[in-house]
Amino acid sequence: MLNLVIAAAPNTTLGNLIVVTGSFLILLLLLKKFAWKSVIEILKKREEKIANDLDSAEQSRVKAAQLAKERETQLQSSRSDAADIIKNAKENGELSRQNIIKDAKEEAALLKDRTKVEIQEERENALTAVKDDVADLSLQIAEKLLNKELTGDAHQELINEYIDRLGTTKHEA
């Protein structure tokens, strides 16, 4: 049949066109019968794979966005917790500082009171010692007066001796 078509057609462009068109149609029929289903299946599989890849990419993008949001939330929470910890530490530090100052003031007041009491006791002891010294000296003067008669010079001498003993007794105490 092909030979007939080739022999009948003169060697012209129209003949070449008919042969090429016939060959092309035969090739299309053969492709449809043997390879068309396989090509269509391969293209469908490729289409499905591309669609699945696009879906997976979209899901991955959505998950990444969710993870980024969660991390941002956690970061904000961590910052908030850190701020709370710092605030509590400052409050505790201030409270400790106030307690230390209060304790120091109380201790200073107690020490001051104790020192006042000690000074008062020392003053009383010193006054008692002076009174005792004065009493002793008065007794000694009275004893000397009773033992001798006083003249102006003797009286002055007794007073000077009394003053000397009083100064010596203070330095010894």
Protein backbone atom coordinates (compact mmCIF):
# COMPACT_ATOMS: atom_id res chain seq x y z
CA MET A 1 0.00 0.00 0.00
CA LEU A 2 2.79 2.34 0.80
CA ASN A 3 4.47 1.37 -2.41
CA LEU A 4 1.35 2.17 -4.29
CA VAL A 5 1.09 5.60 -2.78
CA ILE A 6 4.75 6.24 -3.49
CA ALA A 7 4.55 4.97 -7.09
CA ALA A 8 1.34 6.83 -7.88
CA ALA A 9 2.48 10.15 -6.60
CA PRO A 10 4.78 12.01 -8.82
CA ASN A 11 8.01 13.13 -7.35
CA THR A 12 6.73 16.38 -6.12
CA THR A 13 6.33 18.25 -2.99
CA LEU A 14 2.76 17.08 -2.69
CA GLY A 15 3.90 13.49 -2.85
CA ASN A 16 6.48 14.07 -0.14
CA LEU A 17 3.86 15.74 1.97
CA ILE A 18 1.49 12.79 1.62
CA VAL A 19 4.23 10.29 2.51
CA VAL A 20 5.38 12.27 5.55
CA THR A 21 1.79 12.78 6.72
CA GLY A 22 1.01 9.09 6.26
CA SER A 23 4.16 8.09 8.12
CA PHE A 24 3.28 10.50 10.89
CA LEU A 25 -0.25 9.10 11.18
CA ILE A 26 1.06 5.54 11.31
CA LEU A 27 3.56 6.57 13.96
CA LEU A 28 0.77 8.18 15.97
CA LEU A 29 -1.36 5.04 15.72
CA LEU A 30 1.54 2.86 16.84
CA LEU A 31 2.33 5.25 19.71
CA LYS A 32 -1.32 5.26 20.78
CA LYS A 33 -1.54 1.49 20.70
CA PHE A 34 1.77 0.66 22.43
CA ALA A 35 3.17 3.65 24.32
CA TRP A 36 0.39 6.20 24.92
CA LYS A 37 -0.92 4.60 28.15
CA SER A 38 2.58 4.33 29.59
CA VAL A 39 3.40 7.97 28.75
CA ILE A 40 0.08 9.15 30.24
CA GLU A 41 0.71 7.10 33.43
CA ILE A 42 4.23 8.52 33.75
CA LEU A 43 2.91 12.06 33.30
CA LYS A 44 0.11 11.44 35.84
CA LYS A 45 2.62 10.03 38.34
CA ARG A 46 4.85 13.03 37.79
CA GLU A 47 1.87 15.36 38.23
CA GLU A 48 0.88 13.62 41.47
CA LYS A 49 4.48 13.73 42.74
CA ILE A 50 4.73 17.46 42.01
CA ALA A 51 1.35 18.07 43.70
CA ASN A 52 2.46 16.02 46.74
CA ASP A 53 5.77 17.90 46.87
CA LEU A 54 3.90 21.20 46.76
CA ASP A 55 1.55 20.03 49.52
CA SER A 56 4.51 18.83 51.61
CA ALA A 57 6.28 22.13 51.07
CA GLU A 58 3.16 24.03 52.13
CA GLN A 59 2.77 21.84 55.22
CA SER A 60 6.45 22.34 56.06
CA ARG A 61 6.07 26.09 55.66
CA VAL A 62 3.01 26.07 57.94
CA LYS A 63 4.84 23.94 60.53
CA ALA A 64 7.86 26.23 60.36
CA ALA A 65 5.61 29.23 60.91
CA GLN A 66 3.97 27.50 63.90
CA LEU A 67 7.37 26.59 65.36
CA ALA A 68 8.58 30.15 64.89
CA LYS A 69 5.46 31.41 66.66
CA GLU A 70 5.93 28.91 69.53
CA ARG A 71 9.60 29.88 69.88
CA GLU A 72 8.68 33.55 69.94
CA THR A 73 6.08 32.82 72.63
CA GLN A 74 8.63 30.83 74.63
CA LEU A 75 11.18 33.61 74.22
CA GLN A 76 8.68 36.17 75.47
CA SER A 77 7.84 33.87 78.39
CA SER A 78 11.53 33.45 79.17
CA ARG A 79 12.06 37.20 79.05
CA SER A 80 9.09 37.69 81.35
CA ASP A 81 10.42 35.05 83.75
CA ALA A 82 13.87 36.63 83.70
CA ALA A 83 12.35 40.06 84.42
CA ASP A 84 10.36 38.56 87.33
CA ILE A 85 13.48 36.88 88.71
CA ILE A 86 15.44 40.14 88.49
CA LYS A 87 12.58 42.06 90.10
CA ASN A 88 12.35 39.53 92.95
CA ALA A 89 16.11 39.60 93.44
CA LYS A 90 16.05 43.40 93.64
CA GLU A 91 13.17 43.31 96.12
CA ASN A 92 14.92 40.69 98.25
CA GLY A 93 18.16 42.68 98.10
CA GLU A 94 16.38 45.85 99.18
CA LEU A 95 14.63 44.00 101.98
CA SER A 96 17.94 42.49 103.13
CA ARG A 97 19.57 45.92 102.99
CA GLN A 98 16.79 47.43 105.10
CA ASN A 99 17.02 44.57 107.60
CA ILE A 100 20.79 44.95 107.85
CA ILE A 101 20.47 48.70 108.40
CA LYS A 102 17.73 48.17 110.99
CA ASP A 103 19.82 45.56 112.81
CA ALA A 104 22.88 47.80 112.72
CA LYS A 105 20.90 50.73 114.13
CA GLU A 106 19.47 48.52 116.89
CA GLU A 107 22.92 47.20 117.72
CA ALA A 108 24.35 50.73 117.73
CA ALA A 109 21.54 51.88 120.04
CA LEU A 110 22.18 48.94 122.40
CA LEU A 111 25.91 49.64 122.36
CA LYS A 112 25.25 53.33 123.03
CA ASP A 113 22.93 52.50 125.94
CA ARG A 114 25.45 50.02 127.34
CA THR A 115 28.21 52.61 127.02
CA LYS A 116 26.08 55.23 128.80
CA VAL A 117 25.47 52.77 131.63
CA GLU A 118 29.19 51.97 131.85
CA ILE A 119 30.10 55.68 131.85
CA GLN A 120 27.53 56.34 134.56
CA GLU A 121 28.92 53.46 136.63
CA GLU A 122 32.50 54.74 136.17
CA ARG A 123 31.40 58.25 137.14
CA GLU A 124 29.68 56.92 140.25
CA ASN A 125 32.75 54.83 141.08
CA ALA A 126 35.00 57.87 140.60
CA LEU A 127 32.72 60.03 142.76
CA THR A 128 32.64 57.36 145.42
CA ALA A 129 36.43 57.10 145.31
CA VAL A 130 36.78 60.89 145.56
CA LYS A 131 34.31 60.99 148.45
CA ASP A 132 36.25 58.25 150.18
CA ASP A 133 39.51 60.10 149.60
CA VAL A 134 37.98 63.35 150.86
CA ALA A 135 36.64 61.55 153.91
CA ASP A 136 40.05 59.99 154.60
CA LEU A 137 41.82 63.27 154.15
CA SER A 138 39.24 65.03 156.31
CA LEU A 139 39.81 62.44 159.02
CA GLN A 140 43.57 62.85 158.70
CA ILE A 141 43.23 66.63 158.87
CA ALA A 142 40.94 66.38 161.88
CA GLU A 143 43.41 63.99 163.49
CA LYS A 144 46.26 66.38 162.92
CA LEU A 145 44.17 69.29 164.14
CA LEU A 146 43.40 67.45 167.29
CA ASN A 147 47.04 66.59 167.76
CA LYS A 148 48.37 70.11 167.32
CA GLU A 149 47.18 73.57 167.61
CA LEU A 150 46.79 75.38 164.38
CA THR A 151 48.49 78.61 163.58
CA GLY A 152 48.03 80.49 160.29
CA ASP A 153 51.11 78.84 158.82
CA ALA A 154 50.13 75.41 160.07
CA HIS A 155 46.64 75.88 158.67
CA GLN A 156 48.08 76.84 155.24
CA GLU A 157 50.46 73.89 155.37
CA LEU A 158 47.60 71.47 156.12
CA ILE A 159 45.57 72.84 153.20
CA ASN A 160 48.52 72.51 150.79
CA GLU A 161 49.22 68.98 152.00
CA TYR A 162 45.55 68.12 151.57
CA ILE A 163 45.58 69.47 147.98
CA ASP A 164 48.78 67.54 147.20
CA ARG A 165 47.30 64.31 148.52
CA LEU A 166 44.09 64.88 146.60
CA GLY A 167 46.04 65.32 143.31
CA THR A 168 48.16 62.20 144.07
CA THR A 169 45.12 60.13 144.95
CA LYS A 170 43.37 61.09 141.67
CA HIS A 171 46.39 60.07 139.63
CA GLU A 172 46.66 56.74 141.44
CA ALA A 173 42.97 55.87 140.88
